[in-house]
Amino acid sequence: MNIIYLNTIEKEPSGGAKIIYKHSDIINKLKIKEIKSEVLHLKKTKVSKFKTSIKKILRMHQAAGWKFSDISIAKNYKSKWINNSIKVRNKFDFDPENDFVILPEIFAHFAEDMLIKKNIKYAIFLLNGYSMNFTSDREKLINSYTKAEFILSCSKDISQCAKFVFNIIDKKIINVNVISMISDQKFNKKNIITYMPRKLISHSNNVLFFIQSHLPKNWTIRPIHKLNETQVFKLLKESRIFLSFSDMEGLGLPPIEAAALGNKAIGYTGHGGNEYWRQPLFEKIEHGNIIKFCKTILKNTNLINNKWLKKTSNERKKFLRKYSPKEEEIKIFKMVNLISRVLNTH
């Protein structure tokens, strides 16, 4: 049995791609007899890219998402920003008896042309409940979700979105976790505040502008930008405060990793983060309340120190257990067994 994940070629860090890689890695490391996993990377064809460029220049209307006719395989692609040992797939042909395909929600509408017509069993990996509308063909999208064997969900919020939009029933949803592979709790803390500038740029720019004349001189703000996974973890191990500008995310990964690496995460939950956003590791800011955001940061520059780090050690350990590789292995093992039953049944 081969479990094949579809993914894009990511030029910049992506939490969704990271989760897909980790899942595929875990399946292969489970070492279940005759079961393996591969990742098939998709990219737009040169013709499609050219047409998109022309439409942008002419300011013409463009349909939402990618079309199936626009895609090709990115052969032998390997991400440069995330450590992984995935097995890469370089062909579109699938075996109805042995292959099971997992589509991220941004490619869910490909199911009809790629899989359903060829009797290939599949699931949709709903990484974000607010990214389900990557096509204007609603009928095709509804058909894709209806005929999927399972919907994989990372959070309660994501599951609620699927139930509301597509009337997905509970037994069709498989709960999986995002995975924090962090175990090193040896930090080298400095008075550093980190944030990701690619998230809600206007919000982060305003926070930095508002706070500039108030920030204590012994504190600095560092962007997390164009860094690989190792470099990101190194910076988060040094920083004390992480600013979250999450926006409509099923379960944002950066705040989880920041908290696991000894930061106080301050900011927006992205809504999906509400299920874990609790003191003392997290402090919530109402979306768009820039002044409160700044005042909360300033308050915490007086509170977040080595004593706080030691005092919150137990909360951090509990948090890490919830998003541990061991916990995820259990859930993925159950998922693999369910997939195996589907293939054996059909």
C-alpha atoms as a PDB file:
ATOM      1  CA  MET A   1       0.000   0.000   0.000  1.00  0.00           C
ATOM      2  CA  ASN A   2       1.288   3.437  -0.953  1.00  0.00           C
ATOM      3  CA  ILE A   3      -0.066   6.613   0.691  1.00  0.00           C
ATOM      4  CA  ILE A   4       0.678   9.511  -1.655  1.00  0.00           C
ATOM      5  CA  TYR A   5       0.511  13.115  -0.440  1.00  0.00           C
ATOM      6  CA  LEU A   6       0.143  15.949  -2.957  1.00  0.00           C
ATOM      7  CA  ASN A   7       1.957  19.198  -2.282  1.00  0.00           C
ATOM      8  CA  THR A   8       3.129  22.340  -4.070  1.00  0.00           C
ATOM      9  CA  ILE A   9       6.733  23.404  -4.551  1.00  0.00           C
ATOM     10  CA  GLU A  10       7.133  25.951  -1.759  1.00  0.00           C
ATOM     11  CA  LYS A  11       9.495  28.853  -2.434  1.00  0.00           C
ATOM     12  CA  GLU A  12       9.024  30.103   1.137  1.00  0.00           C
ATOM     13  CA  PRO A  13       8.379  28.352   4.469  1.00  0.00           C
ATOM     14  CA  SER A  14       4.898  26.894   4.735  1.00  0.00           C
ATOM     15  CA  GLY A  15       3.318  25.275   7.786  1.00  0.00           C
ATOM     16  CA  GLY A  16       1.046  23.152   5.596  1.00  0.00           C
ATOM     17  CA  ALA A  17       3.934  21.730   3.570  1.00  0.00           C
ATOM     18  CA  LYS A  18       5.859  21.069   6.764  1.00  0.00           C
ATOM     19  CA  ILE A  19       2.974  19.053   8.229  1.00  0.00           C
ATOM     20  CA  ILE A  20       2.608  17.026   5.012  1.00  0.00           C
ATOM     21  CA  TYR A  21       6.335  16.185   5.012  1.00  0.00           C
ATOM     22  CA  LYS A  22       6.272  15.164   8.676  1.00  0.00           C
ATOM     23  CA  HIS A  23       3.255  12.913   8.126  1.00  0.00           C
ATOM     24  CA  SER A  24       4.823  11.175   5.144  1.00  0.00           C
ATOM     25  CA  ASP A  25       8.071  10.755   7.086  1.00  0.00           C
ATOM     26  CA  ILE A  26       6.259   9.223  10.049  1.00  0.00           C
ATOM     27  CA  ILE A  27       4.395   6.693   7.880  1.00  0.00           C
ATOM     28  CA  ASN A  28       7.700   5.451   6.440  1.00  0.00           C
ATOM     29  CA  LYS A  29       9.308   5.325   9.877  1.00  0.00           C
ATOM     30  CA  LEU A  30       6.434   3.278  11.292  1.00  0.00           C
ATOM     31  CA  LYS A  31       7.947   0.395   9.298  1.00  0.00           C
ATOM     32  CA  ILE A  32       4.613  -1.328   8.791  1.00  0.00           C
ATOM     33  CA  LYS A  33       5.119  -4.218   6.388  1.00  0.00           C
ATOM     34  CA  GLU A  34       4.268  -3.391   2.762  1.00  0.00           C
ATOM     35  CA  ILE A  35       3.160   0.187   3.544  1.00  0.00           C
ATOM     36  CA  LYS A  36       5.051   3.249   2.322  1.00  0.00           C
ATOM     37  CA  SER A  37       4.440   6.924   1.632  1.00  0.00           C
ATOM     38  CA  GLU A  38       5.517   9.362  -1.085  1.00  0.00           C
ATOM     39  CA  VAL A  39       5.044  13.063  -1.792  1.00  0.00           C
ATOM     40  CA  LEU A  40       4.068  14.186  -5.295  1.00  0.00           C
ATOM     41  CA  HIS A  41       4.914  17.851  -5.912  1.00  0.00           C
ATOM     42  CA  LEU A  42       2.802  19.876  -8.335  1.00  0.00           C
ATOM     43  CA  LYS A  43       3.721  23.039 -10.199  1.00  0.00           C
ATOM     44  CA  LYS A  44       2.103  25.192 -12.851  1.00  0.00           C
ATOM     45  CA  THR A  45       3.082  24.603 -16.479  1.00  0.00           C
ATOM     46  CA  LYS A  46       5.142  27.276 -18.254  1.00  0.00           C
ATOM     47  CA  VAL A  47       2.168  28.063 -20.509  1.00  0.00           C
ATOM     48  CA  SER A  48      -0.082  28.584 -17.479  1.00  0.00           C
ATOM     49  CA  LYS A  49       2.478  30.860 -15.811  1.00  0.00           C
ATOM     50  CA  PHE A  50       2.773  32.904 -19.003  1.00  0.00           C
ATOM     51  CA  LYS A  51      -1.014  33.311 -19.280  1.00  0.00           C
ATOM     52  CA  THR A  52      -1.206  34.361 -15.610  1.00  0.00           C
ATOM     53  CA  SER A  53       1.530  36.966 -16.144  1.00  0.00           C
ATOM     54  CA  ILE A  54      -0.275  38.412 -19.174  1.00  0.00           C
ATOM     55  CA  LYS A  55      -3.571  38.628 -17.246  1.00  0.00           C
ATOM     56  CA  LYS A  56      -1.811  40.438 -14.395  1.00  0.00           C
ATOM     57  CA  ILE A  57      -0.255  42.927 -16.814  1.00  0.00           C
ATOM     58  CA  LEU A  58      -3.616  43.531 -18.530  1.00  0.00           C
ATOM     59  CA  ARG A  59      -5.415  43.451 -15.155  1.00  0.00           C
ATOM     60  CA  MET A  60      -7.799  40.809 -16.423  1.00  0.00           C
ATOM     61  CA  HIS A  61     -10.035  38.753 -14.135  1.00  0.00           C
ATOM     62  CA  GLN A  62      -8.483  35.466 -13.005  1.00  0.00           C
ATOM     63  CA  ALA A  63     -10.420  32.469 -11.704  1.00  0.00           C
ATOM     64  CA  ALA A  64      -9.674  31.376  -8.147  1.00  0.00           C
ATOM     65  CA  GLY A  65      -7.145  28.585  -7.636  1.00  0.00           C
ATOM     66  CA  TRP A  66      -5.368  26.331 -10.112  1.00  0.00           C
ATOM     67  CA  LYS A  67      -7.016  24.354 -12.893  1.00  0.00           C
ATOM     68  CA  PHE A  68      -6.173  20.684 -13.380  1.00  0.00           C
ATOM     69  CA  SER A  69      -5.090  21.460 -16.942  1.00  0.00           C
ATOM     70  CA  ASP A  70      -2.555  23.983 -15.575  1.00  0.00           C
ATOM     71  CA  ILE A  71      -0.462  21.562 -13.530  1.00  0.00           C
ATOM     72  CA  SER A  72       2.551  19.350 -14.068  1.00  0.00           C
ATOM     73  CA  ILE A  73       4.923  17.364 -11.847  1.00  0.00           C
ATOM     74  CA  ALA A  74       7.963  18.976 -10.226  1.00  0.00           C
ATOM     75  CA  LYS A  75      10.267  15.978 -10.566  1.00  0.00           C
ATOM     76  CA  ASN A  76      12.799  15.184  -7.825  1.00  0.00           C
ATOM     77  CA  TYR A  77      11.874  18.344  -5.914  1.00  0.00           C
ATOM     78  CA  LYS A  78      13.403  18.688  -2.424  1.00  0.00           C
ATOM     79  CA  SER A  79      12.635  21.513  -0.056  1.00  0.00           C
ATOM     80  CA  LYS A  80      15.629  23.620   0.980  1.00  0.00           C
ATOM     81  CA  TRP A  81      14.027  25.175   4.047  1.00  0.00           C
ATOM     82  CA  ILE A  82      12.772  22.142   5.968  1.00  0.00           C
ATOM     83  CA  ASN A  83      14.683  19.048   7.083  1.00  0.00           C
ATOM     84  CA  ASN A  84      13.019  15.944   5.699  1.00  0.00           C
ATOM     85  CA  SER A  85      13.674  12.464   4.397  1.00  0.00           C
ATOM     86  CA  ILE A  86      10.538  12.097   2.272  1.00  0.00           C
ATOM     87  CA  LYS A  87      10.282   9.791  -0.698  1.00  0.00           C
ATOM     88  CA  VAL A  88       9.489  11.814  -3.824  1.00  0.00           C
ATOM     89  CA  ARG A  89       7.052  10.537  -6.444  1.00  0.00           C
ATOM     90  CA  ASN A  90       7.590  11.511 -10.089  1.00  0.00           C
ATOM     91  CA  LYS A  91       4.520  10.136 -11.867  1.00  0.00           C
ATOM     92  CA  PHE A  92       0.768  10.774 -12.051  1.00  0.00           C
ATOM     93  CA  ASP A  93      -0.262   7.166 -12.664  1.00  0.00           C
ATOM     94  CA  PHE A  94      -2.024   5.615  -9.678  1.00  0.00           C
ATOM     95  CA  ASP A  95      -2.914   2.005  -8.920  1.00  0.00           C
ATOM     96  CA  PRO A  96      -6.577   1.632  -7.786  1.00  0.00           C
ATOM     97  CA  GLU A  97      -5.735  -1.442  -5.707  1.00  0.00           C
ATOM     98  CA  ASN A  98      -2.676  -0.189  -3.843  1.00  0.00           C
ATOM     99  CA  ASP A  99      -2.503   3.624  -4.001  1.00  0.00           C
ATOM    100  CA  PHE A 100      -4.348   6.004  -1.688  1.00  0.00           C
ATOM    101  CA  VAL A 101      -3.987   9.736  -2.418  1.00  0.00           C
ATOM    102  CA  ILE A 102      -4.180  12.576   0.121  1.00  0.00           C
ATOM    103  CA  LEU A 103      -4.994  15.993  -1.344  1.00  0.00           C
ATOM    104  CA  PRO A 104      -4.434  19.229   0.596  1.00  0.00           C
ATOM    105  CA  GLU A 105      -7.579  21.366   0.623  1.00  0.00           C
ATOM    106  CA  ILE A 106      -6.136  23.774  -1.976  1.00  0.00           C
ATOM    107  CA  PHE A 107      -6.137  20.877  -4.494  1.00  0.00           C
ATOM    108  CA  ALA A 108      -9.407  19.234  -3.419  1.00  0.00           C
ATOM    109  CA  HIS A 109     -11.124  20.218  -6.688  1.00  0.00           C
ATOM    110  CA  PHE A 110      -8.588  18.099  -8.628  1.00  0.00           C
ATOM    111  CA  ALA A 111     -10.168  14.916  -7.260  1.00  0.00           C
ATOM    112  CA  GLU A 112     -12.725  14.505 -10.058  1.00  0.00           C
ATOM    113  CA  ASP A 113     -10.268  14.660 -12.968  1.00  0.00           C
ATOM    114  CA  MET A 114      -7.303  13.087 -11.226  1.00  0.00           C
ATOM    115  CA  LEU A 115      -8.874  10.383  -9.052  1.00  0.00           C
ATOM    116  CA  ILE A 116     -12.648   9.841  -9.132  1.00  0.00           C
ATOM    117  CA  LYS A 117     -12.785   9.117 -12.884  1.00  0.00           C
ATOM    118  CA  LYS A 118     -10.027   6.535 -12.433  1.00  0.00           C
ATOM    119  CA  ASN A 119     -11.539   4.929  -9.319  1.00  0.00           C
ATOM    120  CA  ILE A 120      -8.616   5.988  -7.097  1.00  0.00           C
ATOM    121  CA  LYS A 121      -9.460   6.220  -3.397  1.00  0.00           C
ATOM    122  CA  TYR A 122      -8.492   9.445  -1.659  1.00  0.00           C
ATOM    123  CA  ALA A 123      -8.806  11.723   1.363  1.00  0.00           C
ATOM    124  CA  ILE A 124      -8.687  15.495   1.691  1.00  0.00           C
ATOM    125  CA  PHE A 125      -6.200  16.914   4.183  1.00  0.00           C
ATOM    126  CA  LEU A 126      -8.016  20.005   5.455  1.00  0.00           C
ATOM    127  CA  LEU A 127      -5.092  22.001   6.849  1.00  0.00           C
ATOM    128  CA  ASN A 128      -7.105  25.215   7.023  1.00  0.00           C
ATOM    129  CA  GLY A 129     -10.875  25.511   7.083  1.00  0.00           C
ATOM    130  CA  TYR A 130     -10.607  28.990   5.541  1.00  0.00           C
ATOM    131  CA  SER A 131      -8.760  27.768   2.435  1.00  0.00           C
ATOM    132  CA  MET A 132     -11.471  25.538   1.005  1.00  0.00           C
ATOM    133  CA  ASN A 133     -12.516  27.992  -1.739  1.00  0.00           C
ATOM    134  CA  PHE A 134      -9.550  27.548  -4.096  1.00  0.00           C
ATOM    135  CA  THR A 135     -11.827  27.132  -7.094  1.00  0.00           C
ATOM    136  CA  SER A 136     -14.856  28.912  -8.509  1.00  0.00           C
ATOM    137  CA  ASP A 137     -16.326  25.536  -9.553  1.00  0.00           C
ATOM    138  CA  ARG A 138     -18.410  24.884  -6.434  1.00  0.00           C
ATOM    139  CA  GLU A 139     -20.152  21.827  -7.894  1.00  0.00           C
ATOM    140  CA  LYS A 140     -16.811  20.110  -8.533  1.00  0.00           C
ATOM    141  CA  LEU A 141     -15.640  21.018  -5.042  1.00  0.00           C
ATOM    142  CA  ILE A 142     -18.761  19.608  -3.362  1.00  0.00           C
ATOM    143  CA  ASN A 143     -18.367  16.395  -5.367  1.00  0.00           C
ATOM    144  CA  SER A 144     -14.731  16.092  -4.243  1.00  0.00           C
ATOM    145  CA  TYR A 145     -15.581  16.381  -0.545  1.00  0.00           C
ATOM    146  CA  THR A 146     -18.651  14.148  -0.863  1.00  0.00           C
ATOM    147  CA  LYS A 147     -16.762  11.269  -2.504  1.00  0.00           C
ATOM    148  CA  ALA A 148     -13.630  11.481  -0.319  1.00  0.00           C
ATOM    149  CA  GLU A 149     -13.170   8.459   1.940  1.00  0.00           C
ATOM    150  CA  PHE A 150     -11.992  10.693   4.794  1.00  0.00           C
ATOM    151  CA  ILE A 151     -11.373  14.298   5.733  1.00  0.00           C
ATOM    152  CA  LEU A 152      -8.176  14.771   7.765  1.00  0.00           C
ATOM    153  CA  SER A 153      -8.479  17.632  10.252  1.00  0.00           C
ATOM    154  CA  CYS A 154      -5.869  19.338  12.476  1.00  0.00           C
ATOM    155  CA  SER A 155      -8.260  21.150  14.809  1.00  0.00           C
ATOM    156  CA  LYS A 156     -11.815  21.477  16.121  1.00  0.00           C
ATOM    157  CA  ASP A 157     -12.204  24.708  14.159  1.00  0.00           C
ATOM    158  CA  ILE A 158     -11.247  22.993  10.889  1.00  0.00           C
ATOM    159  CA  SER A 159     -13.708  20.168  11.548  1.00  0.00           C
ATOM    160  CA  GLN A 160     -16.513  22.665  12.234  1.00  0.00           C
ATOM    161  CA  CYS A 161     -15.791  24.429   8.935  1.00  0.00           C
ATOM    162  CA  ALA A 162     -16.032  21.139   7.003  1.00  0.00           C
ATOM    163  CA  LYS A 163     -19.265  20.169   8.743  1.00  0.00           C
ATOM    164  CA  PHE A 164     -20.867  23.554   8.096  1.00  0.00           C
ATOM    165  CA  VAL A 165     -19.929  23.967   4.415  1.00  0.00           C
ATOM    166  CA  PHE A 166     -20.121  20.377   3.156  1.00  0.00           C
ATOM    167  CA  ASN A 167     -22.282  18.655   5.799  1.00  0.00           C
ATOM    168  CA  ILE A 168     -19.415  16.282   6.568  1.00  0.00           C
ATOM    169  CA  ILE A 169     -20.417  13.696   9.175  1.00  0.00           C
ATOM    170  CA  ASP A 170     -18.253  13.036  12.247  1.00  0.00           C
ATOM    171  CA  LYS A 171     -17.295   9.468  11.345  1.00  0.00           C
ATOM    172  CA  LYS A 172     -15.780  10.689   8.082  1.00  0.00           C
ATOM    173  CA  ILE A 173     -13.368  13.034   9.902  1.00  0.00           C
ATOM    174  CA  ILE A 174      -9.979  11.725  11.057  1.00  0.00           C
ATOM    175  CA  ASN A 175      -8.347  13.917  13.680  1.00  0.00           C
ATOM    176  CA  VAL A 176      -4.608  14.410  13.282  1.00  0.00           C
ATOM    177  CA  ASN A 177      -2.256  16.829  15.018  1.00  0.00           C
ATOM    178  CA  VAL A 178       0.204  19.352  13.801  1.00  0.00           C
ATOM    179  CA  ILE A 179       3.560  18.017  14.949  1.00  0.00           C
ATOM    180  CA  SER A 180       6.152  19.795  17.030  1.00  0.00           C
ATOM    181  CA  MET A 181       9.399  17.852  16.604  1.00  0.00           C
ATOM    182  CA  ILE A 182      10.987  19.970  19.338  1.00  0.00           C
ATOM    183  CA  SER A 183      12.558  18.168  22.288  1.00  0.00           C
ATOM    184  CA  ASP A 184      15.585  20.368  23.074  1.00  0.00           C
ATOM    185  CA  GLN A 185      14.769  22.544  26.094  1.00  0.00           C
ATOM    186  CA  LYS A 186      18.215  24.130  26.412  1.00  0.00           C
ATOM    187  CA  PHE A 187      17.671  27.777  25.590  1.00  0.00           C
ATOM    188  CA  ASN A 188      20.078  30.676  25.182  1.00  0.00           C
ATOM    189  CA  LYS A 189      17.627  33.467  25.897  1.00  0.00           C
ATOM    190  CA  LYS A 190      18.225  37.102  25.015  1.00  0.00           C
ATOM    191  CA  ASN A 191      15.906  40.109  25.101  1.00  0.00           C
ATOM    192  CA  ILE A 192      14.658  39.475  21.578  1.00  0.00           C
ATOM    193  CA  ILE A 193      11.131  39.775  20.175  1.00  0.00           C
ATOM    194  CA  THR A 194      10.441  37.750  17.016  1.00  0.00           C
ATOM    195  CA  TYR A 195       7.663  37.873  14.423  1.00  0.00           C
ATOM    196  CA  MET A 196       6.917  36.717  10.865  1.00  0.00           C
ATOM    197  CA  PRO A 197       6.578  39.683   8.467  1.00  0.00           C
ATOM    198  CA  ARG A 198       4.741  37.614   5.825  1.00  0.00           C
ATOM    199  CA  LYS A 199       1.693  37.454   8.114  1.00  0.00           C
ATOM    200  CA  LEU A 200      -0.631  40.520   8.020  1.00  0.00           C
ATOM    201  CA  ILE A 201       2.099  42.944   6.946  1.00  0.00           C
ATOM    202  CA  SER A 202       0.064  46.100   7.626  1.00  0.00           C
ATOM    203  CA  HIS A 203      -0.602  44.942  11.214  1.00  0.00           C
ATOM    204  CA  SER A 204       3.014  44.047  11.991  1.00  0.00           C
ATOM    205  CA  ASN A 205       4.253  47.296  10.405  1.00  0.00           C
ATOM    206  CA  ASN A 206       1.885  49.305  12.584  1.00  0.00           C
ATOM    207  CA  VAL A 207       2.867  47.471  15.759  1.00  0.00           C
ATOM    208  CA  LEU A 208       6.562  48.072  15.057  1.00  0.00           C
ATOM    209  CA  PHE A 209       5.912  51.736  14.248  1.00  0.00           C
ATOM    210  CA  PHE A 210       3.750  52.358  17.326  1.00  0.00           C
ATOM    211  CA  ILE A 211       6.114  50.647  19.748  1.00  0.00           C
ATOM    212  CA  GLN A 212       9.384  52.050  18.414  1.00  0.00           C
ATOM    213  CA  SER A 213       9.726  54.983  20.832  1.00  0.00           C
ATOM    214  CA  HIS A 214       8.544  52.952  23.857  1.00  0.00           C
ATOM    215  CA  LEU A 215      10.552  49.731  23.601  1.00  0.00           C
ATOM    216  CA  PRO A 216      13.265  49.420  26.297  1.00  0.00           C
ATOM    217  CA  LYS A 217      16.758  49.930  24.857  1.00  0.00           C
ATOM    218  CA  ASN A 218      17.897  46.481  26.001  1.00  0.00           C
ATOM    219  CA  TRP A 219      15.251  44.798  23.803  1.00  0.00           C
ATOM    220  CA  THR A 220      15.412  44.203  20.023  1.00  0.00           C
ATOM    221  CA  ILE A 221      12.881  43.024  17.439  1.00  0.00           C
ATOM    222  CA  ARG A 222      13.962  40.444  14.838  1.00  0.00           C
ATOM    223  CA  PRO A 223      11.936  39.280  11.822  1.00  0.00           C
ATOM    224  CA  ILE A 224      11.799  35.578  10.975  1.00  0.00           C
ATOM    225  CA  HIS A 225      12.195  35.769   7.226  1.00  0.00           C
ATOM    226  CA  LYS A 226      13.822  33.592   4.540  1.00  0.00           C
ATOM    227  CA  LEU A 227      15.286  31.224   7.127  1.00  0.00           C
ATOM    228  CA  ASN A 228      15.403  27.446   6.968  1.00  0.00           C
ATOM    229  CA  GLU A 229      13.915  25.301   9.731  1.00  0.00           C
ATOM    230  CA  THR A 230      17.197  25.032  11.682  1.00  0.00           C
ATOM    231  CA  GLN A 231      17.734  28.804  11.573  1.00  0.00           C
ATOM    232  CA  VAL A 232      14.149  29.482  12.685  1.00  0.00           C
ATOM    233  CA  PHE A 233      14.509  27.173  15.691  1.00  0.00           C
ATOM    234  CA  LYS A 234      17.850  28.778  16.610  1.00  0.00           C
ATOM    235  CA  LEU A 235      16.304  32.253  16.635  1.00  0.00           C
ATOM    236  CA  LEU A 236      13.231  31.124  18.587  1.00  0.00           C
ATOM    237  CA  LYS A 237      15.499  29.501  21.194  1.00  0.00           C
ATOM    238  CA  GLU A 238      17.125  32.907  21.693  1.00  0.00           C
ATOM    239  CA  SER A 239      13.998  35.078  21.711  1.00  0.00           C
ATOM    240  CA  ARG A 240      11.695  35.577  24.695  1.00  0.00           C
ATOM    241  CA  ILE A 241       8.553  36.958  23.027  1.00  0.00           C
ATOM    242  CA  PHE A 242       6.907  35.910  19.757  1.00  0.00           C
ATOM    243  CA  LEU A 243       4.346  38.159  18.066  1.00  0.00           C
ATOM    244  CA  SER A 244       1.541  36.279  16.327  1.00  0.00           C
ATOM    245  CA  PHE A 245      -0.181  37.865  13.344  1.00  0.00           C
ATOM    246  CA  SER A 246      -2.140  34.739  12.398  1.00  0.00           C
ATOM    247  CA  ASP A 247      -5.172  35.403  10.234  1.00  0.00           C
ATOM    248  CA  MET A 248      -7.947  32.885   9.584  1.00  0.00           C
ATOM    249  CA  GLU A 249      -5.819  29.782  10.148  1.00  0.00           C
ATOM    250  CA  GLY A 250      -7.039  26.337  11.092  1.00  0.00           C
ATOM    251  CA  LEU A 251      -4.196  25.839  13.550  1.00  0.00           C
ATOM    252  CA  GLY A 252      -1.174  28.086  13.043  1.00  0.00           C
ATOM    253  CA  LEU A 253       2.130  26.249  13.521  1.00  0.00           C
ATOM    254  CA  PRO A 254       4.539  29.172  14.316  1.00  0.00           C
ATOM    255  CA  PRO A 255       2.952  30.122  17.697  1.00  0.00           C
ATOM    256  CA  ILE A 256       3.047  26.461  18.743  1.00  0.00           C
ATOM    257  CA  GLU A 257       6.737  26.164  17.918  1.00  0.00           C
ATOM    258  CA  ALA A 258       7.517  29.506  19.552  1.00  0.00           C
ATOM    259  CA  ALA A 259       5.837  28.486  22.813  1.00  0.00           C
ATOM    260  CA  ALA A 260       7.564  25.099  22.739  1.00  0.00           C
ATOM    261  CA  LEU A 261      10.887  26.919  22.459  1.00  0.00           C
ATOM    262  CA  GLY A 262      10.349  29.043  25.557  1.00  0.00           C
ATOM    263  CA  ASN A 263       8.621  32.132  24.140  1.00  0.00           C
ATOM    264  CA  LYS A 264       5.559  33.974  25.376  1.00  0.00           C
ATOM    265  CA  ALA A 265       3.332  34.180  22.289  1.00  0.00           C
ATOM    266  CA  ILE A 266       1.368  37.431  22.111  1.00  0.00           C
ATOM    267  CA  GLY A 267      -1.177  38.337  19.459  1.00  0.00           C
ATOM    268  CA  TYR A 268      -3.872  36.923  17.196  1.00  0.00           C
ATOM    269  CA  THR A 269      -5.028  33.321  17.485  1.00  0.00           C
ATOM    270  CA  GLY A 270      -6.042  33.069  13.808  1.00  0.00           C
ATOM    271  CA  HIS A 271      -9.259  31.698  15.346  1.00  0.00           C
ATOM    272  CA  GLY A 272      -8.105  28.071  15.081  1.00  0.00           C
ATOM    273  CA  GLY A 273      -5.543  28.731  17.813  1.00  0.00           C
ATOM    274  CA  ASN A 274      -8.320  29.364  20.341  1.00  0.00           C
ATOM    275  CA  GLU A 275      -8.204  25.719  21.363  1.00  0.00           C
ATOM    276  CA  TYR A 276      -4.721  26.047  22.865  1.00  0.00           C
ATOM    277  CA  TRP A 277      -4.252  29.818  23.411  1.00  0.00           C
ATOM    278  CA  ARG A 278      -3.995  29.922  27.206  1.00  0.00           C
ATOM    279  CA  GLN A 279      -1.945  31.779  29.812  1.00  0.00           C
ATOM    280  CA  PRO A 280       0.874  31.671  30.805  1.00  0.00           C
ATOM    281  CA  LEU A 281       2.360  30.625  27.427  1.00  0.00           C
ATOM    282  CA  PHE A 282      -0.039  32.708  25.314  1.00  0.00           C
ATOM    283  CA  GLU A 283      -1.748  36.089  25.557  1.00  0.00           C
ATOM    284  CA  LYS A 284      -4.571  36.971  23.173  1.00  0.00           C
ATOM    285  CA  ILE A 285      -5.033  40.323  21.424  1.00  0.00           C
ATOM    286  CA  GLU A 286      -8.266  41.266  19.662  1.00  0.00           C
ATOM    287  CA  HIS A 287      -7.737  41.451  15.904  1.00  0.00           C
ATOM    288  CA  GLY A 288      -6.645  44.959  14.912  1.00  0.00           C
ATOM    289  CA  ASN A 289      -6.239  46.396  18.425  1.00  0.00           C
ATOM    290  CA  ILE A 290      -2.754  47.798  17.730  1.00  0.00           C
ATOM    291  CA  ILE A 291      -2.462  49.951  20.857  1.00  0.00           C
ATOM    292  CA  LYS A 292      -3.402  47.068  23.171  1.00  0.00           C
ATOM    293  CA  PHE A 293      -0.960  44.866  21.222  1.00  0.00           C
ATOM    294  CA  CYS A 294       1.854  47.345  21.942  1.00  0.00           C
ATOM    295  CA  LYS A 295       0.935  47.835  25.590  1.00  0.00           C
ATOM    296  CA  THR A 296       0.842  44.063  26.130  1.00  0.00           C
ATOM    297  CA  ILE A 297       4.309  43.670  24.580  1.00  0.00           C
ATOM    298  CA  LEU A 298       5.711  46.423  26.817  1.00  0.00           C
ATOM    299  CA  LYS A 299       4.126  44.885  29.912  1.00  0.00           C
ATOM    300  CA  ASN A 300       5.695  41.526  29.100  1.00  0.00           C
ATOM    301  CA  THR A 301       9.198  42.935  28.565  1.00  0.00           C
ATOM    302  CA  ASN A 302       9.180  43.444  32.348  1.00  0.00           C
ATOM    303  CA  LEU A 303       7.817  39.956  33.074  1.00  0.00           C
ATOM    304  CA  ILE A 304       9.402  37.534  30.612  1.00  0.00           C
ATOM    305  CA  ASN A 305      12.817  36.575  31.965  1.00  0.00           C
ATOM    306  CA  ASN A 306      14.699  33.461  33.105  1.00  0.00           C
ATOM    307  CA  LYS A 307      12.500  33.202  36.214  1.00  0.00           C
ATOM    308  CA  TRP A 308       9.388  33.123  34.014  1.00  0.00           C
ATOM    309  CA  LEU A 309      11.030  30.482  31.819  1.00  0.00           C
ATOM    310  CA  LYS A 310      11.656  28.246  34.819  1.00  0.00           C
ATOM    311  CA  LYS A 311       8.257  28.934  36.351  1.00  0.00           C
ATOM    312  CA  THR A 312       6.419  27.900  33.146  1.00  0.00           C
ATOM    313  CA  SER A 313       8.472  24.740  32.578  1.00  0.00           C
ATOM    314  CA  ASN A 314       5.661  22.338  33.551  1.00  0.00           C
ATOM    315  CA  GLU A 315       3.078  24.093  31.352  1.00  0.00           C
ATOM    316  CA  ARG A 316       5.492  23.874  28.433  1.00  0.00           C
ATOM    317  CA  LYS A 317       6.049  20.135  29.004  1.00  0.00           C
ATOM    318  CA  LYS A 318       2.276  19.511  29.042  1.00  0.00           C
ATOM    319  CA  PHE A 319       1.911  21.553  25.874  1.00  0.00           C
ATOM    320  CA  LEU A 320       4.699  19.604  24.151  1.00  0.00           C
ATOM    321  CA  ARG A 321       3.050  16.283  25.030  1.00  0.00           C
ATOM    322  CA  LYS A 322      -0.120  17.367  23.232  1.00  0.00           C
ATOM    323  CA  TYR A 323       1.819  18.043  20.018  1.00  0.00           C
ATOM    324  CA  SER A 324       4.457  15.363  20.401  1.00  0.00           C
ATOM    325  CA  PRO A 325       5.639  13.008  17.619  1.00  0.00           C
ATOM    326  CA  LYS A 326       4.532  10.075  19.804  1.00  0.00           C
ATOM    327  CA  GLU A 327       0.967  11.399  19.980  1.00  0.00           C
ATOM    328  CA  GLU A 328       0.938  11.939  16.239  1.00  0.00           C
ATOM    329  CA  GLU A 329       2.351   8.473  15.520  1.00  0.00           C
ATOM    330  CA  ILE A 330      -0.620   6.967  17.366  1.00  0.00           C
ATOM    331  CA  LYS A 331      -3.080   8.975  15.269  1.00  0.00           C
ATOM    332  CA  ILE A 332      -1.291   8.286  11.995  1.00  0.00           C
ATOM    333  CA  PHE A 333      -1.152   4.559  12.797  1.00  0.00           C
ATOM    334  CA  LYS A 334      -4.948   4.605  13.214  1.00  0.00           C
ATOM    335  CA  MET A 335      -5.285   6.534   9.945  1.00  0.00           C
ATOM    336  CA  VAL A 336      -3.113   4.020   8.082  1.00  0.00           C
ATOM    337  CA  ASN A 337      -5.257   1.150   9.391  1.00  0.00           C
ATOM    338  CA  LEU A 338      -8.447   2.883   8.199  1.00  0.00           C
ATOM    339  CA  ILE A 339      -6.928   3.484   4.757  1.00  0.00           C
ATOM    340  CA  SER A 340      -5.837  -0.164   4.604  1.00  0.00           C
ATOM    341  CA  ARG A 341      -9.411  -1.288   5.289  1.00  0.00           C
ATOM    342  CA  VAL A 342     -10.739   0.965   2.512  1.00  0.00           C
ATOM    343  CA  LEU A 343      -8.328  -0.452  -0.064  1.00  0.00           C
ATOM    344  CA  ASN A 344      -8.962  -4.036   1.040  1.00  0.00           C
ATOM    345  CA  THR A 345     -12.736  -3.480   0.909  1.00  0.00           C
ATOM    346  CA  HIS A 346     -12.636  -2.120  -2.618  1.00  0.00           C
END
